[in-house]
Amino acid sequence: SLPANVALLGRVEHSALAGRTAGWSIATIPFRETALSRAVDPVKLYEYLALELPVVAVGMPFLAGVPGVAVCDPATFDAAIVERLRTPFERERIAAFVAESTWARRVD
């Protein structure tokens, strides 16, 4: 059972992502901190930032320092969302980070 303001949409095609997120103010990556979550590099992070959405991530401490991202634990999730929404979105800095994060740039 989910709260009334939460809907599970299932798979969203990549081409539909921008339209689906058009009304969002923030994006979340609410993982449990596990060995797996510490080892992944979530593609959705780059998609959200490219869509100019601030991000709050749980369970991924290695994302600390990524521009546009607040990292927190479950106990501070609500406060991190409020704080991230109050923090100016650094478009130029975040766009530069996204541009440097392509597979081609990583290989180079």
C-alpha atoms as a PDB file:
ATOM      1  CA  SER A   1       0.000   0.000   0.000  1.00  0.00           C
ATOM      2  CA  LEU A   2       1.339   3.393  -1.025  1.00  0.00           C
ATOM      3  CA  PRO A   3       0.529   6.923   0.091  1.00  0.00           C
ATOM      4  CA  ALA A   4      -1.988   8.712  -2.134  1.00  0.00           C
ATOM      5  CA  ASN A   5       0.750  10.944  -3.592  1.00  0.00           C
ATOM      6  CA  VAL A   6       2.921   8.014  -4.737  1.00  0.00           C
ATOM      7  CA  ALA A   7       2.333   6.079  -7.946  1.00  0.00           C
ATOM      8  CA  LEU A   8       4.383   3.225  -9.339  1.00  0.00           C
ATOM      9  CA  LEU A   9       4.597   3.883 -13.056  1.00  0.00           C
ATOM     10  CA  GLY A  10       6.684   0.925 -14.062  1.00  0.00           C
ATOM     11  CA  ARG A  11       9.165   1.207 -16.884  1.00  0.00           C
ATOM     12  CA  VAL A  12       9.380   4.610 -18.542  1.00  0.00           C
ATOM     13  CA  GLU A  13      10.976   4.686 -21.977  1.00  0.00           C
ATOM     14  CA  HIS A  14      14.000   6.958 -22.206  1.00  0.00           C
ATOM     15  CA  SER A  15      12.299   9.057 -24.890  1.00  0.00           C
ATOM     16  CA  ALA A  16       9.419   9.764 -22.472  1.00  0.00           C
ATOM     17  CA  LEU A  17      11.558  10.734 -19.484  1.00  0.00           C
ATOM     18  CA  ALA A  18      11.684  14.493 -20.113  1.00  0.00           C
ATOM     19  CA  GLY A  19       7.923  14.673 -20.515  1.00  0.00           C
ATOM     20  CA  ARG A  20       7.314  12.516 -17.460  1.00  0.00           C
ATOM     21  CA  THR A  21       9.524  14.705 -15.255  1.00  0.00           C
ATOM     22  CA  ALA A  22       8.432  18.096 -16.645  1.00  0.00           C
ATOM     23  CA  GLY A  23       6.449  18.986 -13.519  1.00  0.00           C
ATOM     24  CA  TRP A  24       8.994  17.721 -11.006  1.00  0.00           C
ATOM     25  CA  SER A  25      10.860  20.050  -8.649  1.00  0.00           C
ATOM     26  CA  ILE A  26      13.354  17.442  -7.475  1.00  0.00           C
ATOM     27  CA  ALA A  27      14.445  13.875  -8.165  1.00  0.00           C
ATOM     28  CA  THR A  28      15.371  11.213  -5.636  1.00  0.00           C
ATOM     29  CA  ILE A  29      17.520   8.120  -5.668  1.00  0.00           C
ATOM     30  CA  PRO A  30      16.345   6.431  -2.446  1.00  0.00           C
ATOM     31  CA  PHE A  31      18.564   3.330  -2.242  1.00  0.00           C
ATOM     32  CA  ARG A  32      19.316   1.317   0.842  1.00  0.00           C
ATOM     33  CA  GLU A  33      23.005   1.564   1.650  1.00  0.00           C
ATOM     34  CA  THR A  34      24.397  -1.845   0.743  1.00  0.00           C
ATOM     35  CA  ALA A  35      27.515  -3.191  -0.918  1.00  0.00           C
ATOM     36  CA  LEU A  36      25.610  -3.075  -4.209  1.00  0.00           C
ATOM     37  CA  SER A  37      24.449   0.545  -3.847  1.00  0.00           C
ATOM     38  CA  ARG A  38      28.021   1.560  -2.989  1.00  0.00           C
ATOM     39  CA  ALA A  39      29.267  -0.133  -6.184  1.00  0.00           C
ATOM     40  CA  VAL A  40      26.799   1.206  -8.780  1.00  0.00           C
ATOM     41  CA  ASP A  41      26.948   4.395 -10.802  1.00  0.00           C
ATOM     42  CA  PRO A  42      23.257   5.228 -11.277  1.00  0.00           C
ATOM     43  CA  VAL A  43      22.473   6.331 -14.837  1.00  0.00           C
ATOM     44  CA  LYS A  44      19.389   8.094 -13.527  1.00  0.00           C
ATOM     45  CA  LEU A  45      21.672  10.570 -11.727  1.00  0.00           C
ATOM     46  CA  TYR A  46      23.030  11.874 -15.039  1.00  0.00           C
ATOM     47  CA  GLU A  47      19.592  11.865 -16.633  1.00  0.00           C
ATOM     48  CA  TYR A  48      18.102  13.861 -13.762  1.00  0.00           C
ATOM     49  CA  LEU A  49      20.935  16.393 -13.770  1.00  0.00           C
ATOM     50  CA  ALA A  50      20.745  16.747 -17.577  1.00  0.00           C
ATOM     51  CA  LEU A  51      17.036  17.494 -17.115  1.00  0.00           C
ATOM     52  CA  GLU A  52      18.064  20.222 -14.635  1.00  0.00           C
ATOM     53  CA  LEU A  53      16.572  18.466 -11.637  1.00  0.00           C
ATOM     54  CA  PRO A  54      18.277  18.702  -8.253  1.00  0.00           C
ATOM     55  CA  VAL A  55      18.836  15.246  -6.756  1.00  0.00           C
ATOM     56  CA  VAL A  56      18.664  13.795  -3.248  1.00  0.00           C
ATOM     57  CA  ALA A  57      20.402  10.428  -2.939  1.00  0.00           C
ATOM     58  CA  VAL A  58      20.186   7.964  -0.068  1.00  0.00           C
ATOM     59  CA  GLY A  59      22.581   5.033   0.367  1.00  0.00           C
ATOM     60  CA  MET A  60      25.202   6.389  -2.030  1.00  0.00           C
ATOM     61  CA  PRO A  61      27.753   8.329   0.013  1.00  0.00           C
ATOM     62  CA  PHE A  62      30.226   8.371  -2.895  1.00  0.00           C
ATOM     63  CA  LEU A  63      27.961  10.905  -4.660  1.00  0.00           C
ATOM     64  CA  ALA A  64      28.864  13.546  -2.075  1.00  0.00           C
ATOM     65  CA  GLY A  65      30.457  16.433  -3.917  1.00  0.00           C
ATOM     66  CA  VAL A  66      28.599  15.868  -7.177  1.00  0.00           C
ATOM     67  CA  PRO A  67      27.101  19.242  -8.118  1.00  0.00           C
ATOM     68  CA  GLY A  68      23.339  19.417  -7.770  1.00  0.00           C
ATOM     69  CA  VAL A  69      23.241  16.373  -5.484  1.00  0.00           C
ATOM     70  CA  ALA A  70      22.521  16.155  -1.763  1.00  0.00           C
ATOM     71  CA  VAL A  71      23.524  12.890  -0.105  1.00  0.00           C
ATOM     72  CA  CYS A  72      21.759  11.857   3.078  1.00  0.00           C
ATOM     73  CA  ASP A  73      20.653   8.906   5.143  1.00  0.00           C
ATOM     74  CA  PRO A  74      17.048   7.775   5.622  1.00  0.00           C
ATOM     75  CA  ALA A  75      16.667   9.784   8.838  1.00  0.00           C
ATOM     76  CA  THR A  76      17.556  13.073   7.115  1.00  0.00           C
ATOM     77  CA  PHE A  77      15.799  12.432   3.774  1.00  0.00           C
ATOM     78  CA  ASP A  78      12.978  14.948   4.326  1.00  0.00           C
ATOM     79  CA  ALA A  79      15.354  17.670   5.488  1.00  0.00           C
ATOM     80  CA  ALA A  80      17.710  17.003   2.560  1.00  0.00           C
ATOM     81  CA  ILE A  81      14.845  17.489   0.099  1.00  0.00           C
ATOM     82  CA  VAL A  82      13.872  20.805   1.689  1.00  0.00           C
ATOM     83  CA  GLU A  83      17.489  21.987   1.739  1.00  0.00           C
ATOM     84  CA  ARG A  84      18.167  20.899  -1.862  1.00  0.00           C
ATOM     85  CA  LEU A  85      15.061  22.787  -3.024  1.00  0.00           C
ATOM     86  CA  ARG A  86      16.332  25.925  -1.258  1.00  0.00           C
ATOM     87  CA  THR A  87      19.794  25.631  -2.827  1.00  0.00           C
ATOM     88  CA  PRO A  88      20.295  27.391  -6.164  1.00  0.00           C
ATOM     89  CA  PHE A  89      20.741  24.988  -9.094  1.00  0.00           C
ATOM     90  CA  GLU A  90      24.192  25.704 -10.541  1.00  0.00           C
ATOM     91  CA  ARG A  91      23.289  25.157 -14.222  1.00  0.00           C
ATOM     92  CA  GLU A  92      26.727  25.857 -15.699  1.00  0.00           C
ATOM     93  CA  ARG A  93      28.638  23.770 -13.164  1.00  0.00           C
ATOM     94  CA  ILE A  94      26.158  20.894 -13.442  1.00  0.00           C
ATOM     95  CA  ALA A  95      26.112  21.035 -17.258  1.00  0.00           C
ATOM     96  CA  ALA A  96      29.922  20.822 -17.234  1.00  0.00           C
ATOM     97  CA  PHE A  97      29.775  17.809 -14.904  1.00  0.00           C
ATOM     98  CA  VAL A  98      27.216  16.063 -17.136  1.00  0.00           C
ATOM     99  CA  ALA A  99      29.293  16.831 -20.253  1.00  0.00           C
ATOM    100  CA  GLU A 100      32.370  15.305 -18.607  1.00  0.00           C
ATOM    101  CA  SER A 101      30.419  12.195 -17.596  1.00  0.00           C
ATOM    102  CA  THR A 102      29.734  10.719 -21.035  1.00  0.00           C
ATOM    103  CA  TRP A 103      31.081   7.249 -21.780  1.00  0.00           C
ATOM    104  CA  ALA A 104      33.416   8.708 -24.418  1.00  0.00           C
ATOM    105  CA  ARG A 105      34.885  11.186 -21.886  1.00  0.00           C
ATOM    106  CA  ARG A 106      35.277   8.457 -19.282  1.00  0.00           C
ATOM    107  CA  VAL A 107      37.162   6.252 -21.738  1.00  0.00           C
ATOM    108  CA  ASP A 108      39.432   9.159 -22.654  1.00  0.00           C
END
